[in-house]
Amino acid sequence: MNEQQHRVAMGGTTRSDTPRRGMISDEQFVRGTDGRLHYAAPATPSDPATAPRPGAMDLFARSRWFPALEGWARALLVTLAFSIDTALHAAVATGVWFAAYEHSIGPQPAIVCAVLAWAVVSFVHRTFFQRLTYTTIGKAVFGLRLHNPGDYPITLWQLIKFWCCAVFMCLANVADMFP
C-alpha cells in the first residue's frame, strides 16, 4: 500500500486534494471593501486527518501490545530497545574490527573499518529497515512501533533527518567531554 492509498484508507485526503507548499489557494485570501486581496490565515484544523504533516522530530515509539502505556514505563521500554539496537550495531562493528585485524590490515585501519561499519549498519537499520517494518529489532523485542501523530505513514526522509539529528547530538555530546 503506498502513501496515497494509506491516506485515503485512513479517511484522509489524497496529496492531490491538498494545496502544495508555496502554492496559493483561494482560501488564503479575502477581498476587502476596497477591492484588494488581503491575506486571511486559514483556520486550524481540529481533525487529525487534515492536520499538517508532522516533522521528523514528532515521531515517537508506541507499544502495540499496550497502547495506553505512557510516562516512565514507555521511556524505560524505549531506552531498553535503544540499548539492544546499539548492542547490535556494536556487535557488527566488533566483528568487522576482528576480521580486518586478522587479515593483517593493522590496528588503525581496522578501527576505521569498524567505525564505518557501525555507521553503515546504524543508518541502514534505523532508516531503510525501520521504513519497511515501522520498527527496529530492539523495538520489536518490546512490541514498540514507530508512530507518527495523525496516523500518517512514516517517510524515509523523516527517518533520515531523525538519524542525522541523532548522530549530530551524539557527536556534540562527545565533543563537550573534551576541552
N, C-alpha and C. Protein backbone atom coordinates (compact mmCIF):
# COMPACT_ATOMS: atom_id res chain seq x y z
N MET A 1 0.85 -1.17 0.00
CA MET A 1 0.00 0.00 0.00
C MET A 1 0.90 1.24 0.00
N ASN A 2 0.70 2.10 -0.96
CA ASN A 2 1.53 3.30 -1.00
C ASN A 2 0.94 4.38 -0.09
N GLU A 3 1.62 5.51 -0.01
CA GLU A 3 1.22 6.57 0.93
C GLU A 3 -0.14 7.14 0.59
N GLN A 4 -0.43 7.34 -0.68
CA GLN A 4 -1.71 7.92 -1.07
C GLN A 4 -2.86 6.97 -0.74
N GLN A 5 -2.70 5.68 -1.00
CA GLN A 5 -3.73 4.72 -0.67
C GLN A 5 -3.94 4.65 0.84
N HIS A 6 -2.84 4.77 1.61
CA HIS A 6 -2.95 4.74 3.07
C HIS A 6 -3.75 5.94 3.57
N ARG A 7 -3.50 7.12 3.02
CA ARG A 7 -4.24 8.31 3.44
C ARG A 7 -5.73 8.16 3.18
N VAL A 8 -6.08 7.66 1.99
CA VAL A 8 -7.49 7.50 1.65
C VAL A 8 -8.13 6.45 2.56
N ALA A 9 -7.41 5.36 2.84
CA ALA A 9 -7.94 4.31 3.71
C ALA A 9 -8.14 4.81 5.13
N MET A 10 -7.30 5.71 5.58
CA MET A 10 -7.41 6.24 6.94
C MET A 10 -8.41 7.39 7.02
N GLY A 11 -9.11 7.69 5.92
CA GLY A 11 -10.13 8.73 5.94
C GLY A 11 -9.57 10.11 5.66
N GLY A 12 -8.32 10.19 5.25
CA GLY A 12 -7.71 11.48 4.97
C GLY A 12 -7.92 11.89 3.53
N THR A 13 -7.19 12.85 3.11
CA THR A 13 -7.28 13.32 1.73
C THR A 13 -6.08 12.84 0.96
N THR A 14 -6.23 12.79 -0.33
CA THR A 14 -5.08 12.43 -1.15
C THR A 14 -4.18 13.64 -1.28
N ARG A 15 -2.97 13.41 -1.68
CA ARG A 15 -2.00 14.50 -1.79
C ARG A 15 -2.44 15.51 -2.84
N SER A 16 -3.14 15.06 -3.87
CA SER A 16 -3.56 15.99 -4.92
C SER A 16 -4.72 16.87 -4.46
N ASP A 17 -5.44 16.48 -3.39
CA ASP A 17 -6.54 17.29 -2.87
C ASP A 17 -6.06 18.47 -2.06
N THR A 18 -4.88 18.39 -1.50
CA THR A 18 -4.39 19.46 -0.65
C THR A 18 -3.44 20.35 -1.43
N PRO A 19 -3.46 21.66 -1.17
CA PRO A 19 -2.54 22.54 -1.89
C PRO A 19 -1.11 22.28 -1.45
N ARG A 20 -0.19 22.34 -2.39
CA ARG A 20 1.21 22.10 -2.07
C ARG A 20 1.82 23.33 -1.46
N ARG A 21 2.92 23.12 -0.75
CA ARG A 21 3.62 24.22 -0.12
C ARG A 21 4.09 25.20 -1.18
N GLY A 22 3.87 26.49 -0.95
CA GLY A 22 4.30 27.50 -1.88
C GLY A 22 3.24 27.85 -2.92
N MET A 23 2.19 27.04 -3.03
CA MET A 23 1.12 27.34 -3.98
C MET A 23 0.06 28.17 -3.27
N ILE A 24 -0.52 29.10 -3.98
CA ILE A 24 -1.54 29.97 -3.41
C ILE A 24 -2.90 29.35 -3.69
N SER A 25 -3.70 29.22 -2.65
CA SER A 25 -5.06 28.75 -2.85
C SER A 25 -6.01 29.91 -2.58
N ASP A 26 -7.21 29.82 -3.12
CA ASP A 26 -8.17 30.91 -2.97
C ASP A 26 -8.62 31.09 -1.53
N GLU A 27 -8.49 30.07 -0.70
CA GLU A 27 -8.96 30.15 0.67
C GLU A 27 -8.09 31.03 1.55
N GLN A 28 -6.86 31.34 1.12
CA GLN A 28 -5.96 32.11 1.94
C GLN A 28 -6.17 33.61 1.80
N PHE A 29 -6.95 34.05 0.82
CA PHE A 29 -7.13 35.47 0.58
C PHE A 29 -8.60 35.83 0.56
N VAL A 30 -8.91 37.02 1.06
CA VAL A 30 -10.28 37.54 1.01
C VAL A 30 -10.21 38.92 0.35
N ARG A 31 -11.28 39.26 -0.33
CA ARG A 31 -11.34 40.56 -0.99
C ARG A 31 -11.92 41.57 -0.02
N GLY A 32 -11.18 42.63 0.21
CA GLY A 32 -11.61 43.68 1.12
C GLY A 32 -12.63 44.60 0.48
N THR A 33 -13.12 45.58 1.27
CA THR A 33 -14.11 46.53 0.77
C THR A 33 -13.53 47.44 -0.31
N ASP A 34 -12.21 47.59 -0.30
CA ASP A 34 -11.57 48.43 -1.31
C ASP A 34 -11.28 47.66 -2.61
N GLY A 35 -11.63 46.38 -2.65
CA GLY A 35 -11.44 45.58 -3.85
C GLY A 35 -10.10 44.86 -3.92
N ARG A 36 -9.24 45.08 -2.93
CA ARG A 36 -7.92 44.44 -2.93
C ARG A 36 -7.98 43.12 -2.17
N LEU A 37 -7.06 42.24 -2.52
CA LEU A 37 -6.98 40.95 -1.82
C LEU A 37 -6.13 41.11 -0.57
N HIS A 38 -6.59 40.53 0.53
CA HIS A 38 -5.88 40.54 1.80
C HIS A 38 -5.70 39.11 2.27
N TYR A 39 -4.58 38.86 2.91
CA TYR A 39 -4.30 37.52 3.41
C TYR A 39 -5.18 37.23 4.62
N ALA A 40 -5.79 36.07 4.64
CA ALA A 40 -6.59 35.61 5.78
C ALA A 40 -6.01 34.29 6.22
N ALA A 41 -5.57 34.21 7.46
CA ALA A 41 -4.97 32.98 7.97
C ALA A 41 -6.00 31.87 7.93
N PRO A 42 -5.62 30.71 7.41
CA PRO A 42 -6.57 29.59 7.37
C PRO A 42 -6.87 29.10 8.77
N ALA A 43 -8.06 28.57 8.94
CA ALA A 43 -8.46 28.04 10.24
C ALA A 43 -7.64 26.80 10.56
N THR A 44 -7.31 26.65 11.82
CA THR A 44 -6.54 25.49 12.25
C THR A 44 -7.46 24.28 12.28
N PRO A 45 -7.11 23.23 11.55
CA PRO A 45 -7.99 22.05 11.53
C PRO A 45 -7.94 21.31 12.86
N SER A 46 -9.09 20.85 13.30
CA SER A 46 -9.14 20.08 14.54
C SER A 46 -9.13 18.58 14.26
N ASP A 47 -9.41 18.21 13.03
CA ASP A 47 -9.42 16.81 12.64
C ASP A 47 -7.98 16.35 12.40
N PRO A 48 -7.49 15.29 13.09
CA PRO A 48 -6.10 14.87 12.90
C PRO A 48 -5.80 14.42 11.47
N ALA A 49 -6.81 13.97 10.74
CA ALA A 49 -6.56 13.51 9.37
C ALA A 49 -6.23 14.69 8.45
N THR A 50 -6.70 15.89 8.78
CA THR A 50 -6.43 17.06 7.95
C THR A 50 -5.38 17.97 8.57
N ALA A 51 -4.83 17.58 9.71
CA ALA A 51 -3.80 18.38 10.37
C ALA A 51 -2.53 18.37 9.53
N PRO A 52 -1.71 19.40 9.66
CA PRO A 52 -0.47 19.41 8.88
C PRO A 52 0.43 18.25 9.24
N ARG A 53 1.17 17.80 8.25
CA ARG A 53 2.06 16.65 8.44
C ARG A 53 3.15 16.99 9.45
N PRO A 54 3.39 16.12 10.42
CA PRO A 54 4.40 16.41 11.43
C PRO A 54 5.81 16.32 10.86
N GLY A 55 6.74 16.95 11.56
CA GLY A 55 8.13 16.92 11.15
C GLY A 55 8.81 15.65 11.63
N ALA A 56 10.10 15.54 11.37
CA ALA A 56 10.83 14.33 11.71
C ALA A 56 10.93 14.11 13.21
N MET A 57 10.97 15.18 13.99
CA MET A 57 11.16 15.02 15.42
C MET A 57 9.85 14.70 16.14
N ASP A 58 8.72 14.65 15.43
CA ASP A 58 7.45 14.32 16.05
C ASP A 58 7.20 12.82 16.14
N LEU A 59 8.10 12.02 15.61
CA LEU A 59 7.94 10.57 15.65
C LEU A 59 8.18 10.07 17.07
N PHE A 60 7.41 9.12 17.52
CA PHE A 60 7.67 8.52 18.81
C PHE A 60 7.25 7.06 18.77
N ALA A 61 7.79 6.30 19.70
CA ALA A 61 7.50 4.87 19.75
C ALA A 61 6.24 4.63 20.57
N ARG A 62 5.36 3.77 20.07
CA ARG A 62 4.13 3.44 20.77
C ARG A 62 4.03 1.92 20.83
N SER A 63 3.61 1.42 21.96
CA SER A 63 3.50 -0.02 22.13
C SER A 63 2.25 -0.54 21.44
N ARG A 64 2.40 -1.60 20.64
CA ARG A 64 1.20 -2.16 20.02
C ARG A 64 0.53 -3.15 20.96
N TRP A 65 1.24 -3.61 21.99
CA TRP A 65 0.63 -4.51 22.96
C TRP A 65 -0.09 -3.73 24.04
N PHE A 66 0.48 -2.59 24.44
CA PHE A 66 -0.10 -1.75 25.48
C PHE A 66 -0.18 -0.32 24.96
N PRO A 67 -1.20 0.03 24.16
CA PRO A 67 -1.25 1.35 23.54
C PRO A 67 -1.35 2.49 24.54
N ALA A 68 -1.89 2.25 25.73
CA ALA A 68 -2.05 3.31 26.72
C ALA A 68 -0.80 3.49 27.58
N LEU A 69 0.26 2.80 27.26
CA LEU A 69 1.50 2.88 28.05
C LEU A 69 2.11 4.26 27.90
N GLU A 70 2.27 4.97 29.00
CA GLU A 70 2.80 6.34 28.98
C GLU A 70 3.83 6.51 30.08
N GLY A 71 4.47 7.65 30.07
CA GLY A 71 5.35 8.05 31.16
C GLY A 71 6.63 7.24 31.25
N TRP A 72 7.00 6.95 32.49
CA TRP A 72 8.30 6.30 32.73
C TRP A 72 8.35 4.89 32.18
N ALA A 73 7.21 4.19 32.11
CA ALA A 73 7.22 2.81 31.60
C ALA A 73 7.57 2.80 30.11
N ARG A 74 6.97 3.71 29.35
CA ARG A 74 7.30 3.77 27.92
C ARG A 74 8.75 4.22 27.72
N ALA A 75 9.20 5.19 28.55
CA ALA A 75 10.58 5.66 28.45
C ALA A 75 11.56 4.53 28.74
N LEU A 76 11.23 3.68 29.70
CA LEU A 76 12.08 2.54 30.03
C LEU A 76 12.15 1.56 28.86
N LEU A 77 11.00 1.25 28.26
CA LEU A 77 10.99 0.33 27.12
C LEU A 77 11.77 0.89 25.94
N VAL A 78 11.62 2.19 25.68
CA VAL A 78 12.35 2.81 24.57
C VAL A 78 13.85 2.79 24.85
N THR A 79 14.24 3.04 26.10
CA THR A 79 15.67 3.01 26.46
C THR A 79 16.24 1.61 26.31
N LEU A 80 15.51 0.60 26.76
CA LEU A 80 15.98 -0.78 26.61
C LEU A 80 16.05 -1.18 25.14
N ALA A 81 15.07 -0.74 24.34
CA ALA A 81 15.09 -1.05 22.91
C ALA A 81 16.28 -0.37 22.24
N PHE A 82 16.57 0.87 22.62
CA PHE A 82 17.73 1.57 22.07
C PHE A 82 19.02 0.85 22.46
N SER A 83 19.08 0.32 23.69
CA SER A 83 20.27 -0.41 24.13
C SER A 83 20.47 -1.68 23.30
N ILE A 84 19.40 -2.37 22.99
CA ILE A 84 19.51 -3.58 22.16
C ILE A 84 19.99 -3.21 20.76
N ASP A 85 19.42 -2.15 20.19
CA ASP A 85 19.85 -1.72 18.85
C ASP A 85 21.32 -1.31 18.85
N THR A 86 21.75 -0.58 19.88
CA THR A 86 23.14 -0.15 19.97
C THR A 86 24.06 -1.35 20.12
N ALA A 87 23.66 -2.34 20.92
CA ALA A 87 24.46 -3.55 21.09
C ALA A 87 24.57 -4.31 19.76
N LEU A 88 23.50 -4.34 19.00
CA LEU A 88 23.53 -4.99 17.69
C LEU A 88 24.51 -4.29 16.75
N HIS A 89 24.47 -2.96 16.72
CA HIS A 89 25.39 -2.21 15.85
C HIS A 89 26.83 -2.40 16.32
N ALA A 90 27.04 -2.41 17.64
CA ALA A 90 28.39 -2.61 18.19
C ALA A 90 28.91 -4.01 17.88
N ALA A 91 28.03 -5.01 17.91
CA ALA A 91 28.46 -6.38 17.61
C ALA A 91 28.93 -6.49 16.16
N VAL A 92 28.21 -5.86 15.23
CA VAL A 92 28.64 -5.89 13.83
C VAL A 92 29.98 -5.17 13.67
N ALA A 93 30.12 -4.00 14.33
CA ALA A 93 31.37 -3.25 14.24
C ALA A 93 32.54 -4.04 14.84
N THR A 94 32.30 -4.74 15.94
CA THR A 94 33.34 -5.55 16.56
C THR A 94 33.74 -6.70 15.65
N GLY A 95 32.77 -7.32 15.00
CA GLY A 95 33.08 -8.39 14.05
C GLY A 95 33.91 -7.89 12.88
N VAL A 96 33.60 -6.71 12.37
CA VAL A 96 34.38 -6.13 11.28
C VAL A 96 35.79 -5.81 11.76
N TRP A 97 35.91 -5.30 12.98
CA TRP A 97 37.24 -4.97 13.53
C TRP A 97 38.10 -6.24 13.64
N PHE A 98 37.52 -7.33 14.20
CA PHE A 98 38.27 -8.58 14.31
C PHE A 98 38.66 -9.12 12.94
N ALA A 99 37.75 -9.07 11.98
CA ALA A 99 38.06 -9.58 10.64
C ALA A 99 39.15 -8.75 9.97
N ALA A 100 39.09 -7.42 10.11
CA ALA A 100 40.10 -6.56 9.50
C ALA A 100 41.44 -6.72 10.19
N TYR A 101 41.44 -6.89 11.50
CA TYR A 101 42.68 -7.05 12.25
C TYR A 101 43.35 -8.39 11.94
N GLU A 102 42.56 -9.44 11.76
CA GLU A 102 43.10 -10.76 11.46
C GLU A 102 43.67 -10.85 10.05
N HIS A 103 43.21 -10.01 9.16
CA HIS A 103 43.70 -10.05 7.78
C HIS A 103 44.87 -9.10 7.57
N SER A 104 45.60 -8.81 8.62
CA SER A 104 46.85 -8.05 8.58
C SER A 104 46.69 -6.62 8.06
N ILE A 105 45.55 -6.03 8.28
CA ILE A 105 45.40 -4.64 7.86
C ILE A 105 46.08 -3.72 8.88
N GLY A 106 46.09 -4.12 10.13
CA GLY A 106 46.69 -3.30 11.17
C GLY A 106 45.64 -2.75 12.10
N PRO A 107 46.06 -2.23 13.26
CA PRO A 107 45.07 -1.78 14.25
C PRO A 107 44.34 -0.48 13.85
N GLN A 108 45.06 0.50 13.29
CA GLN A 108 44.40 1.76 12.97
C GLN A 108 43.39 1.63 11.83
N PRO A 109 43.75 1.02 10.70
CA PRO A 109 42.73 0.84 9.64
C PRO A 109 41.58 -0.06 10.09
N ALA A 110 41.86 -1.02 10.98
CA ALA A 110 40.79 -1.88 11.47
C ALA A 110 39.78 -1.07 12.28
N ILE A 111 40.26 -0.11 13.05
CA ILE A 111 39.34 0.74 13.84
C ILE A 111 38.50 1.61 12.90
N VAL A 112 39.13 2.14 11.86
CA VAL A 112 38.39 2.95 10.89
C VAL A 112 37.32 2.10 10.20
N CYS A 113 37.67 0.86 9.85
CA CYS A 113 36.68 -0.05 9.23
C CYS A 113 35.53 -0.33 10.19
N ALA A 114 35.84 -0.50 11.48
CA ALA A 114 34.82 -0.78 12.47
C ALA A 114 33.88 0.41 12.64
N VAL A 115 34.42 1.63 12.69
CA VAL A 115 33.58 2.82 12.83
C VAL A 115 32.69 3.00 11.60
N LEU A 116 33.24 2.79 10.42
CA LEU A 116 32.45 2.89 9.20
C LEU A 116 31.35 1.82 9.16
N ALA A 117 31.69 0.61 9.61
CA ALA A 117 30.69 -0.46 9.65
C ALA A 117 29.57 -0.10 10.62
N TRP A 118 29.93 0.47 11.77
CA TRP A 118 28.92 0.89 12.75
C TRP A 118 27.99 1.92 12.11
N ALA A 119 28.56 2.91 11.42
CA ALA A 119 27.75 3.97 10.82
C ALA A 119 26.83 3.42 9.73
N VAL A 120 27.35 2.54 8.89
CA VAL A 120 26.54 1.98 7.81
C VAL A 120 25.42 1.12 8.36
N VAL A 121 25.74 0.24 9.31
CA VAL A 121 24.71 -0.64 9.89
C VAL A 121 23.65 0.19 10.61
N SER A 122 24.09 1.19 11.36
CA SER A 122 23.15 2.05 12.08
C SER A 122 22.23 2.78 11.10
N PHE A 123 22.80 3.33 10.04
CA PHE A 123 21.99 4.07 9.06
C PHE A 123 20.98 3.16 8.38
N VAL A 124 21.43 2.01 7.89
CA VAL A 124 20.53 1.10 7.18
C VAL A 124 19.44 0.56 8.12
N HIS A 125 19.82 0.22 9.36
CA HIS A 125 18.87 -0.34 10.30
C HIS A 125 17.83 0.69 10.74
N ARG A 126 18.26 1.92 11.00
CA ARG A 126 17.36 2.94 11.53
C ARG A 126 16.61 3.72 10.45
N THR A 127 16.96 3.53 9.19
CA THR A 127 16.23 4.23 8.13
C THR A 127 15.50 3.24 7.23
N PHE A 128 16.23 2.47 6.44
CA PHE A 128 15.59 1.59 5.47
C PHE A 128 14.80 0.46 6.13
N PHE A 129 15.42 -0.22 7.09
CA PHE A 129 14.73 -1.33 7.76
C PHE A 129 13.52 -0.81 8.53
N GLN A 130 13.69 0.31 9.23
CA GLN A 130 12.59 0.86 10.02
C GLN A 130 11.48 1.41 9.12
N ARG A 131 11.81 1.89 7.93
CA ARG A 131 10.79 2.37 7.00
C ARG A 131 9.93 1.22 6.50
N LEU A 132 10.56 0.06 6.27
CA LEU A 132 9.80 -1.08 5.77
C LEU A 132 8.95 -1.75 6.85
N THR A 133 9.47 -1.80 8.09
CA THR A 133 8.79 -2.55 9.14
C THR A 133 8.19 -1.68 10.24
N TYR A 134 8.43 -0.38 10.23
CA TYR A 134 7.98 0.57 11.25
C TYR A 134 8.56 0.26 12.63
N THR A 135 9.59 -0.55 12.68
CA THR A 135 10.22 -0.87 13.95
C THR A 135 11.66 -1.28 13.71
N THR A 136 12.46 -1.21 14.76
CA THR A 136 13.81 -1.75 14.70
C THR A 136 13.80 -3.08 15.44
N ILE A 137 14.91 -3.78 15.44
CA ILE A 137 14.95 -5.08 16.12
C ILE A 137 14.76 -4.89 17.62
N GLY A 138 15.39 -3.86 18.20
CA GLY A 138 15.23 -3.60 19.63
C GLY A 138 13.80 -3.24 19.99
N LYS A 139 13.16 -2.42 19.17
CA LYS A 139 11.76 -2.05 19.44
C LYS A 139 10.84 -3.25 19.27
N ALA A 140 11.14 -4.12 18.32
CA ALA A 140 10.30 -5.29 18.08
C ALA A 140 10.31 -6.23 19.28
N VAL A 141 11.43 -6.30 20.00
CA VAL A 141 11.52 -7.16 21.19
C VAL A 141 10.49 -6.75 22.23
N PHE A 142 10.26 -5.43 22.35
CA PHE A 142 9.32 -4.92 23.35
C PHE A 142 7.96 -4.55 22.77
N GLY A 143 7.72 -4.90 21.52
CA GLY A 143 6.43 -4.63 20.91
C GLY A 143 6.21 -3.16 20.60
N LEU A 144 7.27 -2.40 20.41
CA LEU A 144 7.13 -0.98 20.08
C LEU A 144 7.18 -0.79 18.58
N ARG A 145 6.40 0.15 18.10
CA ARG A 145 6.43 0.52 16.69
C ARG A 145 6.54 2.03 16.62
N LEU A 146 7.13 2.52 15.55
CA LEU A 146 7.25 3.96 15.36
C LEU A 146 5.88 4.50 14.97
N HIS A 147 5.47 5.56 15.64
CA HIS A 147 4.14 6.13 15.42
C HIS A 147 4.29 7.57 14.99
N ASN A 148 3.51 7.97 14.03
CA ASN A 148 3.50 9.33 13.52
C ASN A 148 2.16 9.94 13.90
N PRO A 149 2.13 11.05 14.64
CA PRO A 149 0.84 11.64 15.01
C PRO A 149 -0.01 11.92 13.78
N GLY A 150 -1.29 11.67 13.87
CA GLY A 150 -2.18 11.85 12.73
C GLY A 150 -2.27 10.62 11.87
N ASP A 151 -1.60 9.53 12.26
CA ASP A 151 -1.61 8.26 11.54
C ASP A 151 -1.14 8.39 10.08
N TYR A 152 -0.21 9.31 9.83
CA TYR A 152 0.42 9.39 8.52
C TYR A 152 1.49 8.31 8.44
N PRO A 153 1.73 7.76 7.27
CA PRO A 153 2.84 6.81 7.15
C PRO A 153 4.17 7.53 7.33
N ILE A 154 5.12 6.84 7.87
CA ILE A 154 6.44 7.41 8.13
C ILE A 154 7.22 7.39 6.82
N THR A 155 7.83 8.51 6.50
CA THR A 155 8.58 8.59 5.25
C THR A 155 10.05 8.31 5.50
N LEU A 156 10.72 7.89 4.46
CA LEU A 156 12.15 7.64 4.55
C LEU A 156 12.89 8.93 4.87
N TRP A 157 12.43 10.04 4.32
CA TRP A 157 13.09 11.32 4.55
C TRP A 157 13.01 11.71 6.03
N GLN A 158 11.88 11.46 6.69
CA GLN A 158 11.77 11.73 8.13
C GLN A 158 12.79 10.92 8.91
N LEU A 159 12.93 9.64 8.56
CA LEU A 159 13.87 8.79 9.28
C LEU A 159 15.32 9.20 9.03
N ILE A 160 15.64 9.63 7.81
CA ILE A 160 16.99 10.10 7.52
C ILE A 160 17.30 11.35 8.33
N LYS A 161 16.35 12.30 8.37
CA LYS A 161 16.56 13.52 9.15
C LYS A 161 16.72 13.20 10.63
N PHE A 162 15.91 12.26 11.12
CA PHE A 162 15.98 11.88 12.52
C PHE A 162 17.34 11.23 12.83
N TRP A 163 17.83 10.37 11.94
CA TRP A 163 19.12 9.72 12.15
C TRP A 163 20.25 10.75 12.14
N CYS A 164 20.21 11.69 11.20
CA CYS A 164 21.26 12.73 11.12
C CYS A 164 21.25 13.60 12.37
N CYS A 165 20.07 13.96 12.86
CA CYS A 165 19.99 14.75 14.10
C CYS A 165 20.55 13.96 15.28
N ALA A 166 20.26 12.68 15.35
CA ALA A 166 20.77 11.85 16.45
C ALA A 166 22.29 11.74 16.38
N VAL A 167 22.85 11.57 15.19
CA VAL A 167 24.31 11.50 15.05
C VAL A 167 24.94 12.82 15.47
N PHE A 168 24.35 13.93 15.05
CA PHE A 168 24.87 15.24 15.43
C PHE A 168 24.84 15.42 16.95
N MET A 169 23.75 15.01 17.59
CA MET A 169 23.65 15.13 19.05
C MET A 169 24.70 14.27 19.75
N CYS A 170 24.93 13.06 19.25
CA CYS A 170 25.95 12.19 19.84
C CYS A 170 27.34 12.82 19.69
N LEU A 171 27.65 13.32 18.51
CA LEU A 171 28.96 13.94 18.28
C LEU A 171 29.11 15.21 19.12
N ALA A 172 28.04 15.97 19.28
CA ALA A 172 28.12 17.17 20.10
C ALA A 172 28.35 16.82 21.57
N ASN A 173 27.73 15.75 22.04
CA ASN A 173 27.95 15.32 23.43
C ASN A 173 29.37 14.82 23.64
N VAL A 174 29.93 14.11 22.65
CA VAL A 174 31.30 13.64 22.75
C VAL A 174 32.25 14.83 22.72
N ALA A 175 31.98 15.81 21.87
CA ALA A 175 32.84 17.00 21.78
C ALA A 175 32.82 17.81 23.07
N ASP A 176 31.69 17.80 23.78
CA ASP A 176 31.61 18.52 25.06
C ASP A 176 32.45 17.90 26.14
N MET A 177 32.79 16.61 26.01
CA MET A 177 33.59 15.95 27.04
C MET A 177 35.05 16.36 26.97
N PHE A 178 35.51 16.80 25.80
CA PHE A 178 36.91 17.19 25.64
C PHE A 178 37.03 18.71 25.60
N PRO A 179 37.97 19.25 26.37
CA PRO A 179 38.10 20.73 26.39
C PRO A 179 38.72 21.29 25.13
